[in-house]
Amino acid sequence: MIRRFHRCGHGPGALTPEDQAIVDQFRAMLTALRNPEPWTPGSARDIAVRVSPFMERAHTRPGDDHGPDLIAVALVHPGTPHASAYLHGRQLGYTERGRLRCETSAILGFWQPGYAMLTHAAASLPLPDDVGMDPAHYALYIEARKRDDSRDAYTLLRVGPYTQTRHAQQDHDRITAALDGRETTLVPGHRVSVRYAPFGVSDHQLFADPYEADAVALLDAAAAGVSA
């Protein structure tokens, strides 16, 4: 997990720039481990999470209400946001994970650059198939808001949970296209829109299953029920 290095030869002299960079990284890692920054719930800062014997960087996501001991995160390459890190992250499986449910007990603290040496990426290893976190389920909320600039609105339809975020994005795009030109006529006196948000586990009985029916057909049925 810790990158080792060896100098060529045994003679005295200054470290090469390459060796010095590794020494600096190692010192930064030790400093980070000795001085962790405790994680504070609700913060938008990246966090360090335990994945097998390694440590990984993760973006926190707006809450997943499955319970107080879980938050939604997305694992990212430690070199984010640099383009080369994104490409390397794709090769190692970082970008295909989507949003995940992370137990707060797996959070080691706020992310520090010194932790980068302890990641799968630093060891040129792909993320394991099982990172110890389940997918964070998300949903679509189709809302009708009054057109008189008031705040009066209601949820016309809830669709979820989606087990893969790309499926939710696909249905979001399909519903957006279906609403084009109809958003102000579908429900009289209201403007209809769709938003993408965490699945409300506590209200699961209010959601239509996206894998049992077509999302656009569910929208049309909900609108027909309002107009009837």
Protein backbone atom coordinates (compact mmCIF):
# COMPACT_ATOMS: atom_id res chain seq x y z
CA MET A 1 0.00 0.00 0.00
CA ILE A 2 2.97 2.33 0.65
CA ARG A 3 5.12 2.99 -2.39
CA ARG A 4 8.72 1.97 -1.74
CA PHE A 5 11.75 3.43 -3.48
CA HIS A 6 15.44 2.64 -3.73
CA ARG A 7 18.31 4.85 -4.69
CA CYS A 8 20.82 3.54 -7.17
CA GLY A 9 24.27 2.98 -5.65
CA HIS A 10 25.45 3.70 -2.15
CA GLY A 11 27.44 6.86 -2.62
CA PRO A 12 26.78 10.13 -0.82
CA GLY A 13 25.03 12.99 -2.52
CA ALA A 14 21.75 14.81 -2.86
CA LEU A 15 18.54 12.97 -3.66
CA THR A 16 17.43 13.04 -7.26
CA PRO A 17 14.31 15.18 -7.96
CA GLU A 18 12.31 11.97 -8.42
CA ASP A 19 13.43 10.54 -5.08
CA GLN A 20 12.86 13.87 -3.35
CA ALA A 21 9.26 13.98 -4.66
CA ILE A 22 8.59 10.53 -3.19
CA VAL A 23 10.16 11.51 0.12
CA ASP A 24 7.94 14.62 0.21
CA GLN A 25 4.86 12.50 -0.52
CA PHE A 26 5.79 10.08 2.23
CA ARG A 27 6.26 12.89 4.73
CA ALA A 28 2.91 14.40 3.72
CA MET A 29 1.27 11.01 4.26
CA LEU A 30 2.75 10.67 7.75
CA THR A 31 1.65 14.20 8.61
CA ALA A 32 -1.90 13.49 7.42
CA LEU A 33 -2.09 10.23 9.38
CA ARG A 34 -0.80 11.91 12.54
CA ASN A 35 -3.14 14.88 12.16
CA PRO A 36 -6.50 13.63 10.84
CA GLU A 37 -9.31 16.16 10.41
CA PRO A 38 -12.48 14.69 11.96
CA TRP A 39 -15.41 14.56 9.56
CA THR A 40 -18.35 16.86 10.28
CA PRO A 41 -21.79 15.74 8.98
CA GLY A 42 -23.28 18.17 6.49
CA SER A 43 -19.95 19.43 5.17
CA ALA A 44 -19.42 19.51 1.41
CA ARG A 45 -15.68 18.80 1.68
CA ASP A 46 -14.28 15.56 0.27
CA ILE A 47 -13.74 12.76 2.76
CA ALA A 48 -11.36 9.82 3.17
CA VAL A 49 -13.07 6.44 3.40
CA ARG A 50 -11.78 2.95 4.08
CA VAL A 51 -11.97 0.53 1.12
CA SER A 52 -10.46 -2.84 2.03
CA PRO A 53 -6.94 -2.13 3.38
CA PHE A 54 -6.74 1.04 1.29
CA MET A 55 -8.02 4.57 1.69
CA GLU A 56 -9.99 6.43 -1.00
CA ARG A 57 -11.16 9.94 -1.71
CA ALA A 58 -14.92 10.52 -1.98
CA HIS A 59 -17.27 13.36 -2.85
CA THR A 60 -20.19 13.63 -0.45
CA ARG A 61 -23.63 13.86 -2.05
CA PRO A 62 -26.91 15.39 -0.84
CA GLY A 63 -28.44 13.11 1.75
CA ASP A 64 -29.68 9.62 1.26
CA ASP A 65 -32.29 9.23 4.00
CA HIS A 66 -31.77 5.51 4.53
CA GLY A 67 -30.69 6.26 8.08
CA PRO A 68 -28.43 8.47 10.22
CA ASP A 69 -25.47 6.12 9.89
CA LEU A 70 -25.27 6.29 6.08
CA ILE A 71 -24.42 9.04 3.61
CA ALA A 72 -24.26 9.06 -0.19
CA VAL A 73 -20.80 9.42 -1.76
CA ALA A 74 -19.00 9.00 -5.07
CA LEU A 75 -15.46 7.59 -5.10
CA VAL A 76 -13.03 9.73 -7.10
CA HIS A 77 -9.42 9.46 -8.19
CA PRO A 78 -7.12 11.15 -5.63
CA GLY A 79 -5.80 13.51 -8.31
CA THR A 80 -9.24 14.95 -9.12
CA PRO A 81 -10.04 17.36 -10.83
CA HIS A 82 -7.10 17.11 -13.25
CA ALA A 83 -7.90 15.65 -16.66
CA SER A 84 -5.13 13.07 -16.48
CA ALA A 85 -6.50 11.89 -13.13
CA TYR A 86 -9.97 11.49 -14.66
CA LEU A 87 -8.59 9.35 -17.48
CA HIS A 88 -6.54 7.28 -15.04
CA GLY A 89 -9.60 7.00 -12.81
CA ARG A 90 -11.65 5.57 -15.66
CA GLN A 91 -9.01 2.91 -16.26
CA LEU A 92 -9.05 1.93 -12.59
CA GLY A 93 -12.85 1.84 -12.23
CA TYR A 94 -13.46 5.04 -10.29
CA THR A 95 -15.95 6.69 -12.64
CA GLU A 96 -18.24 3.69 -13.14
CA ARG A 97 -19.26 3.37 -9.48
CA GLY A 98 -21.90 6.07 -9.37
CA ARG A 99 -23.31 7.12 -6.02
CA LEU A 100 -22.79 4.74 -3.12
CA ARG A 101 -24.11 4.36 0.41
CA CYS A 102 -21.21 4.82 2.80
CA GLU A 103 -21.39 3.87 6.47
CA THR A 104 -20.18 6.77 8.55
CA SER A 105 -18.04 4.32 10.54
CA ALA A 106 -15.91 3.87 7.37
CA ILE A 107 -15.11 7.60 7.20
CA LEU A 108 -11.58 8.32 8.38
CA GLY A 109 -11.91 12.10 8.26
CA PHE A 110 -11.73 14.89 5.72
CA TRP A 111 -9.56 14.17 2.69
CA GLN A 112 -5.97 15.44 2.74
CA PRO A 113 -3.53 15.24 -0.21
CA GLY A 114 -1.16 13.21 1.95
CA TYR A 115 -3.59 10.29 1.85
CA ALA A 116 -3.10 9.89 -1.93
CA MET A 117 -0.24 7.39 -1.41
CA LEU A 118 -2.67 5.04 0.37
CA THR A 119 -5.13 4.69 -2.51
CA HIS A 120 -5.59 1.95 -5.10
CA ALA A 121 -4.60 4.52 -7.74
CA ALA A 122 -1.20 5.11 -6.12
CA ALA A 123 -0.55 1.37 -6.32
CA SER A 124 -1.86 1.28 -9.94
CA LEU A 125 -4.55 -1.17 -8.83
CA PRO A 126 -8.19 -1.10 -9.97
CA LEU A 127 -10.88 -0.68 -7.36
CA PRO A 128 -12.17 -4.08 -6.21
CA ASP A 129 -15.52 -5.33 -7.50
CA ASP A 130 -16.85 -5.10 -3.96
CA VAL A 131 -15.91 -1.81 -2.32
CA GLY A 132 -18.08 -2.54 0.70
CA MET A 133 -20.81 -0.04 -0.24
CA ASP A 134 -24.22 -0.58 -1.80
CA PRO A 135 -25.52 1.69 -4.58
CA ALA A 136 -27.28 4.82 -3.34
CA HIS A 137 -30.71 4.69 -4.91
CA TYR A 138 -32.09 7.83 -6.54
CA ALA A 139 -35.47 8.86 -7.88
CA LEU A 140 -37.30 11.31 -10.15
CA TYR A 141 -39.79 13.78 -8.74
CA ILE A 142 -42.28 15.27 -11.20
CA GLU A 143 -43.73 18.43 -9.69
CA ALA A 144 -46.55 20.79 -10.64
CA ARG A 145 -46.11 24.40 -9.57
CA LYS A 146 -48.73 27.15 -9.93
CA ARG A 147 -48.01 29.63 -12.71
CA ASP A 148 -48.95 32.74 -10.72
CA ASP A 149 -45.44 33.01 -9.22
CA SER A 150 -46.69 31.61 -5.93
CA ARG A 151 -44.83 28.90 -4.07
CA ASP A 152 -47.80 26.55 -4.18
CA ALA A 153 -46.72 23.24 -5.68
CA TYR A 154 -47.26 19.54 -5.26
CA THR A 155 -45.59 16.36 -6.39
CA LEU A 156 -47.49 14.88 -9.29
CA LEU A 157 -45.43 11.68 -9.50
CA ARG A 158 -42.53 9.97 -7.75
CA VAL A 159 -40.57 7.36 -9.70
CA GLY A 160 -37.98 5.16 -8.01
CA PRO A 161 -35.80 3.70 -6.76
CA TYR A 162 -33.33 3.47 -9.62
CA THR A 163 -30.61 0.94 -8.93
CA GLN A 164 -28.30 2.63 -11.45
CA THR A 165 -27.97 6.38 -11.77
CA ARG A 166 -27.66 6.16 -15.56
CA HIS A 167 -31.16 4.67 -15.72
CA ALA A 168 -32.50 7.61 -13.72
CA GLN A 169 -30.70 10.03 -16.03
CA GLN A 170 -32.15 8.32 -19.11
CA ASP A 171 -35.71 8.57 -17.76
CA HIS A 172 -35.08 12.17 -16.66
CA ASP A 173 -34.10 13.04 -20.24
CA ARG A 174 -37.11 11.16 -21.67
CA ILE A 175 -39.56 12.90 -19.35
CA THR A 176 -37.97 16.29 -20.04
CA ALA A 177 -38.42 15.66 -23.77
CA ALA A 178 -42.02 14.51 -23.22
CA LEU A 179 -42.77 17.73 -21.30
CA ASP A 180 -41.35 19.97 -24.01
CA GLY A 181 -44.24 22.17 -25.15
CA ARG A 182 -46.62 20.55 -22.64
CA GLU A 183 -45.15 21.70 -19.33
CA THR A 184 -47.78 24.48 -18.96
CA THR A 185 -50.76 22.57 -20.36
CA LEU A 186 -50.42 19.11 -18.84
CA VAL A 187 -51.92 20.24 -15.51
CA PRO A 188 -54.22 23.28 -15.85
CA GLY A 189 -52.84 26.38 -14.14
CA HIS A 190 -49.51 24.71 -13.34
CA ARG A 191 -46.04 24.29 -14.81
CA VAL A 192 -44.76 20.72 -14.65
CA SER A 193 -41.07 19.93 -14.23
CA VAL A 194 -38.89 16.97 -13.25
CA ARG A 195 -35.95 16.86 -10.86
CA TYR A 196 -33.42 14.22 -9.92
CA ALA A 197 -32.89 13.61 -6.18
CA PRO A 198 -32.14 10.93 -3.56
CA PHE A 199 -34.78 8.24 -3.12
CA GLY A 200 -36.93 8.84 -0.05
CA VAL A 201 -36.67 5.43 1.60
CA SER A 202 -39.07 6.35 4.38
CA ASP A 203 -41.76 7.19 1.76
CA HIS A 204 -41.13 4.16 -0.45
CA GLN A 205 -44.85 3.39 -0.73
CA LEU A 206 -45.40 6.66 -2.63
CA PHE A 207 -43.07 5.75 -5.50
CA ALA A 208 -43.87 4.07 -8.79
CA ASP A 209 -41.38 1.35 -9.73
CA PRO A 210 -39.46 2.47 -12.87
CA TYR A 211 -38.61 -1.14 -13.74
CA GLU A 212 -42.24 -2.25 -13.87
CA ALA A 213 -43.64 0.48 -16.14
CA ASP A 214 -42.49 3.10 -18.65
CA ALA A 215 -41.73 6.42 -16.96
CA VAL A 216 -43.40 8.53 -19.66
CA ALA A 217 -46.53 6.34 -19.49
CA LEU A 218 -46.57 6.84 -15.71
CA LEU A 219 -46.41 10.61 -16.24
CA ASP A 220 -49.30 10.57 -18.71
CA ALA A 221 -51.38 8.43 -16.36
CA ALA A 222 -50.71 10.76 -13.42
CA ALA A 223 -51.63 13.83 -15.49
CA ALA A 224 -54.81 12.13 -16.74
CA GLY A 225 -55.79 11.37 -13.15
CA VAL A 226 -55.48 15.06 -12.20
CA SER A 227 -57.50 16.23 -15.20
CA ALA A 228 -60.27 13.64 -14.73
